[in-house]
Amino acid sequence: MTRPDVLFARQEVILRTIRDWIAGTGESPSFRQIGKRVGPSSTSSVAYRLGRLEACGLISRTGHRRRSCRLSI
């Protein structure tokens, strides 16, 4: 899948959350931390959304660790 020209609002919020968290703490947020920031989301919903962002090439994840997100943009 290629990088989209336009992101959905929730995708923008998740990307901003990851960017801000990494800038503030030096590590990526956990699924639960992302869910708390973007609204009432289950960890499986966050995992799905991260998978979609990864498929678009906007983030990359290494392994199965919960804090393995890296911004690709």
N, C-alpha and C. Protein backbone atom coordinates (compact mmCIF):
# COMPACT_ATOMS: atom_id res chain seq x y z
N MET A 1 0.84 -1.17 0.00
CA MET A 1 0.00 0.00 0.00
C MET A 1 0.89 1.24 0.00
N THR A 2 0.49 2.27 -0.71
CA THR A 2 1.28 3.50 -0.77
C THR A 2 0.82 4.49 0.28
N ARG A 3 1.67 5.48 0.51
CA ARG A 3 1.32 6.51 1.49
C ARG A 3 0.12 7.30 0.99
N PRO A 4 -0.88 7.48 1.84
CA PRO A 4 -2.06 8.22 1.42
C PRO A 4 -1.79 9.72 1.41
N ASP A 5 -2.49 10.44 0.52
CA ASP A 5 -2.38 11.89 0.48
C ASP A 5 -3.15 12.51 1.64
N VAL A 6 -4.24 11.86 2.03
CA VAL A 6 -5.09 12.36 3.11
C VAL A 6 -5.28 11.25 4.13
N LEU A 7 -5.15 11.60 5.41
CA LEU A 7 -5.37 10.63 6.48
C LEU A 7 -6.71 10.88 7.13
N PHE A 8 -7.27 9.84 7.71
CA PHE A 8 -8.47 10.00 8.51
C PHE A 8 -8.11 10.74 9.78
N ALA A 9 -9.07 11.39 10.39
CA ALA A 9 -8.82 12.20 11.60
C ALA A 9 -8.19 11.37 12.70
N ARG A 10 -8.67 10.16 12.91
CA ARG A 10 -8.12 9.31 13.98
C ARG A 10 -6.67 8.94 13.69
N GLN A 11 -6.35 8.71 12.42
CA GLN A 11 -4.97 8.40 12.05
C GLN A 11 -4.06 9.59 12.35
N GLU A 12 -4.52 10.80 12.05
CA GLU A 12 -3.74 12.00 12.35
C GLU A 12 -3.48 12.12 13.85
N VAL A 13 -4.51 11.86 14.64
CA VAL A 13 -4.38 11.96 16.09
C VAL A 13 -3.38 10.93 16.61
N ILE A 14 -3.45 9.71 16.09
CA ILE A 14 -2.52 8.67 16.53
C ILE A 14 -1.09 9.03 16.14
N LEU A 15 -0.87 9.50 14.93
CA LEU A 15 0.48 9.90 14.51
C LEU A 15 1.00 11.05 15.38
N ARG A 16 0.15 12.03 15.66
CA ARG A 16 0.55 13.15 16.51
C ARG A 16 0.88 12.67 17.92
N THR A 17 0.08 11.74 18.43
CA THR A 17 0.31 11.17 19.76
C THR A 17 1.66 10.47 19.82
N ILE A 18 1.95 9.66 18.83
CA ILE A 18 3.24 8.94 18.79
C ILE A 18 4.39 9.94 18.71
N ARG A 19 4.27 10.92 17.83
CA ARG A 19 5.33 11.93 17.66
C ARG A 19 5.58 12.69 18.97
N ASP A 20 4.51 13.15 19.61
CA ASP A 20 4.63 13.92 20.86
C ASP A 20 5.21 13.06 21.98
N TRP A 21 4.76 11.81 22.06
CA TRP A 21 5.23 10.91 23.12
C TRP A 21 6.73 10.64 22.98
N ILE A 22 7.15 10.34 21.77
CA ILE A 22 8.57 10.07 21.52
C ILE A 22 9.40 11.32 21.83
N ALA A 23 8.91 12.48 21.43
CA ALA A 23 9.63 13.73 21.71
C ALA A 23 9.74 13.99 23.22
N GLY A 24 8.71 13.62 23.96
CA GLY A 24 8.70 13.89 25.39
C GLY A 24 9.42 12.88 26.25
N THR A 25 9.40 11.61 25.83
CA THR A 25 9.94 10.55 26.68
C THR A 25 11.12 9.81 26.07
N GLY A 26 11.28 9.90 24.76
CA GLY A 26 12.37 9.19 24.10
C GLY A 26 12.02 7.76 23.72
N GLU A 27 10.82 7.33 24.02
CA GLU A 27 10.37 5.98 23.62
C GLU A 27 8.96 6.08 23.09
N SER A 28 8.54 5.07 22.34
CA SER A 28 7.19 5.11 21.79
C SER A 28 6.18 4.73 22.86
N PRO A 29 4.93 5.19 22.71
CA PRO A 29 3.90 4.89 23.69
C PRO A 29 3.40 3.45 23.54
N SER A 30 2.85 2.93 24.62
CA SER A 30 2.24 1.60 24.58
C SER A 30 0.86 1.71 23.92
N PHE A 31 0.28 0.58 23.59
CA PHE A 31 -1.07 0.57 23.00
C PHE A 31 -2.05 1.24 23.94
N ARG A 32 -1.96 0.94 25.22
CA ARG A 32 -2.88 1.54 26.21
C ARG A 32 -2.70 3.05 26.30
N GLN A 33 -1.47 3.51 26.25
CA GLN A 33 -1.21 4.95 26.32
C GLN A 33 -1.77 5.66 25.09
N ILE A 34 -1.63 5.05 23.94
CA ILE A 34 -2.21 5.63 22.73
C ILE A 34 -3.73 5.67 22.86
N GLY A 35 -4.32 4.57 23.33
CA GLY A 35 -5.77 4.50 23.50
C GLY A 35 -6.29 5.57 24.45
N LYS A 36 -5.57 5.82 25.53
CA LYS A 36 -5.98 6.86 26.48
C LYS A 36 -5.96 8.24 25.84
N ARG A 37 -4.97 8.50 25.01
CA ARG A 37 -4.82 9.82 24.39
C ARG A 37 -5.84 10.06 23.28
N VAL A 38 -6.16 9.03 22.51
CA VAL A 38 -7.04 9.24 21.35
C VAL A 38 -8.51 9.03 21.67
N GLY A 39 -8.82 8.59 22.85
CA GLY A 39 -10.21 8.37 23.22
C GLY A 39 -10.40 6.94 23.65
N PRO A 40 -11.61 6.60 23.98
CA PRO A 40 -11.85 5.24 24.46
C PRO A 40 -11.63 4.20 23.35
N SER A 41 -10.47 3.63 23.36
CA SER A 41 -10.12 2.61 22.36
C SER A 41 -9.57 1.38 23.07
N SER A 42 -9.96 0.23 22.58
CA SER A 42 -9.39 -1.01 23.12
C SER A 42 -8.00 -1.20 22.54
N THR A 43 -7.21 -2.03 23.19
CA THR A 43 -5.86 -2.27 22.68
C THR A 43 -5.91 -2.94 21.30
N SER A 44 -6.92 -3.75 21.07
CA SER A 44 -7.02 -4.39 19.75
C SER A 44 -7.37 -3.36 18.67
N SER A 45 -8.16 -2.36 19.01
CA SER A 45 -8.48 -1.28 18.07
C SER A 45 -7.22 -0.47 17.75
N VAL A 46 -6.43 -0.18 18.78
CA VAL A 46 -5.18 0.55 18.57
C VAL A 46 -4.24 -0.29 17.71
N ALA A 47 -4.14 -1.58 17.98
CA ALA A 47 -3.27 -2.46 17.20
C ALA A 47 -3.70 -2.47 15.73
N TYR A 48 -5.00 -2.51 15.49
CA TYR A 48 -5.52 -2.49 14.12
C TYR A 48 -5.14 -1.19 13.42
N ARG A 49 -5.34 -0.07 14.11
CA ARG A 49 -5.04 1.23 13.51
C ARG A 49 -3.55 1.39 13.25
N LEU A 50 -2.72 0.89 14.15
CA LEU A 50 -1.27 0.93 13.93
C LEU A 50 -0.89 0.06 12.73
N GLY A 51 -1.56 -1.07 12.60
CA GLY A 51 -1.32 -1.94 11.45
C GLY A 51 -1.65 -1.25 10.13
N ARG A 52 -2.73 -0.47 10.13
CA ARG A 52 -3.11 0.26 8.92
C ARG A 52 -2.08 1.36 8.61
N LEU A 53 -1.61 2.04 9.66
CA LEU A 53 -0.58 3.07 9.45
C LEU A 53 0.72 2.46 8.95
N GLU A 54 1.03 1.28 9.46
CA GLU A 54 2.24 0.58 9.01
C GLU A 54 2.10 0.15 7.56
N ALA A 55 0.93 -0.34 7.19
CA ALA A 55 0.70 -0.76 5.81
C ALA A 55 0.82 0.41 4.84
N CYS A 56 0.50 1.62 5.30
CA CYS A 56 0.62 2.82 4.47
C CYS A 56 2.04 3.36 4.45
N GLY A 57 2.93 2.80 5.27
CA GLY A 57 4.31 3.25 5.30
C GLY A 57 4.55 4.47 6.17
N LEU A 58 3.60 4.80 7.04
CA LEU A 58 3.74 5.98 7.89
C LEU A 58 4.47 5.69 9.19
N ILE A 59 4.42 4.45 9.64
CA ILE A 59 5.17 4.03 10.82
C ILE A 59 5.80 2.68 10.51
N SER A 60 6.74 2.30 11.33
CA SER A 60 7.29 0.95 11.23
C SER A 60 7.32 0.38 12.64
N ARG A 61 7.13 -0.92 12.73
CA ARG A 61 7.17 -1.59 14.03
C ARG A 61 8.13 -2.75 13.93
N THR A 62 8.91 -2.96 14.99
CA THR A 62 9.85 -4.06 15.01
C THR A 62 9.36 -5.11 15.99
N GLY A 63 9.28 -6.31 15.54
CA GLY A 63 8.88 -7.41 16.42
C GLY A 63 7.47 -7.27 16.94
N HIS A 64 7.20 -7.90 18.06
CA HIS A 64 5.86 -7.91 18.65
C HIS A 64 5.81 -7.10 19.93
N ARG A 65 6.85 -6.29 20.17
CA ARG A 65 6.86 -5.49 21.38
C ARG A 65 5.83 -4.39 21.29
N ARG A 66 5.24 -4.06 22.42
CA ARG A 66 4.21 -3.03 22.45
C ARG A 66 4.75 -1.63 22.19
N ARG A 67 6.02 -1.37 22.49
CA ARG A 67 6.60 -0.04 22.33
C ARG A 67 7.59 -0.03 21.18
N SER A 68 7.18 -0.52 20.05
CA SER A 68 8.14 -0.67 18.96
C SER A 68 7.82 0.22 17.77
N CYS A 69 7.01 1.26 17.93
CA CYS A 69 6.65 2.13 16.81
C CYS A 69 7.75 3.14 16.53
N ARG A 70 7.99 3.33 15.25
CA ARG A 70 8.88 4.38 14.78
C ARG A 70 8.17 5.11 13.67
N LEU A 71 8.29 6.42 13.67
CA LEU A 71 7.70 7.20 12.60
C LEU A 71 8.54 7.06 11.34
N SER A 72 7.90 6.86 10.22
CA SER A 72 8.60 6.72 8.95
C SER A 72 8.55 8.01 8.15
N ILE A 73 7.84 8.99 8.66
CA ILE A 73 7.68 10.25 7.92
C ILE A 73 8.44 11.36 8.61
